[in-house]
Amino acid sequence: MTNQEIGKIGEDAAANLLIKKGYKILERNYRAGHLEVDIIALKDDVVAFVEVKTRAVNYLVSPQEAVNYRKQNFIANAANGYMRRFRRSEEARLDVVTVLHKNGAVVEVEHIENAYYPRVKTY
């Protein structure tokens, strides 16, 4: 399987989990210029900007560790732009869904709410 196919499997599993938890999926693969958010979902007046990370069960780096500082800032910037563009007034949150697979079959899906907060550079 290609990385793209595995990523799609992971995003589908993440979307299904969010729907089961009562979220309404607003966007998938939302693009703002070079920025992308895997899933944008709404629940209880909170817009969740969700990064999905899919890894094989024996991968050296955990899915959570793959959402580095740079990626976090990209998602935060895209989230900020989305909220302004669509004039959303709800609270915004940055989440991660991790998906573990073995040979393309999903074995574990975990939703981490408030996984990180935007960082401000200090000079």
Protein backbone atom coordinates (compact mmCIF):
# COMPACT_ATOMS: atom_id res chain seq x y z
CA MET A 1 0.00 0.00 0.00
CA THR A 2 1.13 3.53 -0.69
CA ASN A 3 1.45 6.18 2.01
CA GLN A 4 -1.42 8.02 0.37
CA GLU A 5 -3.69 4.95 0.61
CA ILE A 6 -2.75 4.39 4.24
CA GLY A 7 -3.36 8.08 4.99
CA LYS A 8 -6.84 7.82 3.45
CA ILE A 9 -7.62 4.76 5.58
CA GLY A 10 -6.49 6.69 8.66
CA GLU A 11 -8.54 9.77 7.81
CA ASP A 12 -11.63 7.66 7.18
CA ALA A 13 -11.16 5.91 10.54
CA ALA A 14 -10.70 9.28 12.27
CA ALA A 15 -13.82 10.77 10.65
CA ASN A 16 -15.85 7.70 11.61
CA LEU A 17 -14.67 7.96 15.23
CA LEU A 18 -15.56 11.66 15.39
CA ILE A 19 -19.02 11.02 13.93
CA LYS A 20 -19.60 8.25 16.51
CA LYS A 21 -18.62 10.75 19.22
CA GLY A 22 -21.28 13.18 17.97
CA TYR A 23 -19.20 15.50 15.80
CA LYS A 24 -20.45 16.96 12.54
CA ILE A 25 -17.75 16.91 9.88
CA LEU A 26 -17.56 20.38 8.32
CA GLU A 27 -14.55 19.84 6.03
CA ARG A 28 -12.06 17.18 5.06
CA ASN A 29 -8.67 18.08 3.64
CA TYR A 30 -9.37 21.81 3.94
CA ARG A 31 -6.75 23.83 2.09
CA ALA A 32 -5.81 27.45 2.60
CA GLY A 33 -2.91 28.14 0.26
CA HIS A 34 -0.14 25.72 1.23
CA LEU A 35 -1.80 24.97 4.58
CA GLU A 36 -4.04 21.94 5.08
CA VAL A 37 -6.22 20.64 7.89
CA ASP A 38 -7.21 16.98 7.68
CA ILE A 39 -10.62 17.31 9.36
CA ILE A 40 -12.65 20.24 10.65
CA ALA A 41 -15.48 19.11 12.90
CA LEU A 42 -18.12 20.75 15.09
CA LYS A 43 -19.55 19.61 18.43
CA ASP A 44 -21.11 21.56 21.29
CA ASP A 45 -20.20 24.98 19.81
CA VAL A 46 -16.53 24.00 19.46
CA VAL A 47 -14.81 23.79 16.08
CA ALA A 48 -12.10 21.13 16.24
CA PHE A 49 -9.23 21.34 13.77
CA VAL A 50 -7.99 17.78 13.62
CA GLU A 51 -4.63 16.51 12.42
CA VAL A 52 -4.75 12.80 11.64
CA LYS A 53 -1.56 10.78 11.99
CA THR A 54 -1.51 7.20 10.81
CA ARG A 55 1.38 4.89 11.57
CA ALA A 56 2.14 1.19 11.47
CA VAL A 57 2.06 -0.47 14.89
CA ASN A 58 5.83 -1.05 14.80
CA TYR A 59 6.79 2.43 13.51
CA LEU A 60 9.66 4.01 15.46
CA VAL A 61 8.00 7.42 16.01
CA SER A 62 4.57 7.52 17.64
CA PRO A 63 1.82 9.32 15.73
CA GLN A 64 1.61 12.02 18.40
CA GLU A 65 5.32 12.81 18.07
CA ALA A 66 4.90 13.30 14.33
CA VAL A 67 2.85 16.48 14.92
CA ASN A 68 5.87 18.69 15.42
CA TYR A 69 6.07 22.40 16.26
CA ARG A 70 6.14 23.44 12.60
CA LYS A 71 3.07 21.33 11.74
CA GLN A 72 1.26 22.67 14.81
CA ASN A 73 1.84 26.24 13.63
CA PHE A 74 0.63 25.44 10.11
CA ILE A 75 -2.61 23.99 11.49
CA ALA A 76 -3.09 26.89 13.91
CA ASN A 77 -2.64 29.39 11.07
CA ALA A 78 -5.07 27.49 8.83
CA ALA A 79 -7.57 27.33 11.72
CA ASN A 80 -7.30 31.05 12.29
CA GLY A 81 -7.87 31.72 8.60
CA TYR A 82 -10.84 29.35 8.47
CA MET A 83 -12.52 30.99 11.47
CA ARG A 84 -12.10 34.45 9.91
CA ARG A 85 -13.06 33.43 6.37
CA PHE A 86 -16.27 31.70 7.42
CA ARG A 87 -16.98 34.15 10.27
CA ARG A 88 -17.21 31.37 12.81
CA SER A 89 -17.81 32.54 16.37
CA GLU A 90 -17.45 29.21 18.17
CA GLU A 91 -14.49 28.29 20.31
CA ALA A 92 -11.69 26.67 18.30
CA ARG A 93 -9.61 23.71 19.43
CA LEU A 94 -6.61 21.87 18.00
CA ASP A 95 -6.92 18.08 18.21
CA VAL A 96 -5.01 15.06 16.99
CA VAL A 97 -6.42 11.68 16.03
CA THR A 98 -3.85 8.90 15.99
CA VAL A 99 -4.46 5.78 13.96
CA LEU A 100 -2.39 2.63 14.24
CA HIS A 101 -2.59 0.04 11.49
CA LYS A 102 -1.15 -3.34 10.73
CA ASN A 103 -0.90 -4.23 7.04
CA GLY A 104 -3.48 -1.56 6.20
CA ALA A 105 -6.05 -2.74 8.76
CA VAL A 106 -6.85 -0.24 11.50
CA VAL A 107 -6.09 -1.64 14.94
CA GLU A 108 -6.41 1.47 17.15
CA VAL A 109 -7.86 4.98 16.86
CA GLU A 110 -7.40 7.60 19.58
CA HIS A 111 -8.82 11.15 19.72
CA ILE A 112 -6.71 13.63 21.71
CA GLU A 113 -8.65 16.82 22.41
CA ASN A 114 -6.66 20.04 22.98
CA ALA A 115 -3.56 18.17 21.87
CA TYR A 116 -1.56 21.40 21.66
CA TYR A 117 -1.94 25.16 21.79
CA PRO A 118 -0.65 27.74 19.32
CA ARG A 119 2.70 29.08 20.38
CA VAL A 120 3.72 32.68 20.19
CA LYS A 121 7.29 33.52 19.33
CA THR A 122 9.05 35.63 21.90
CA TYR A 123 11.96 37.84 20.97
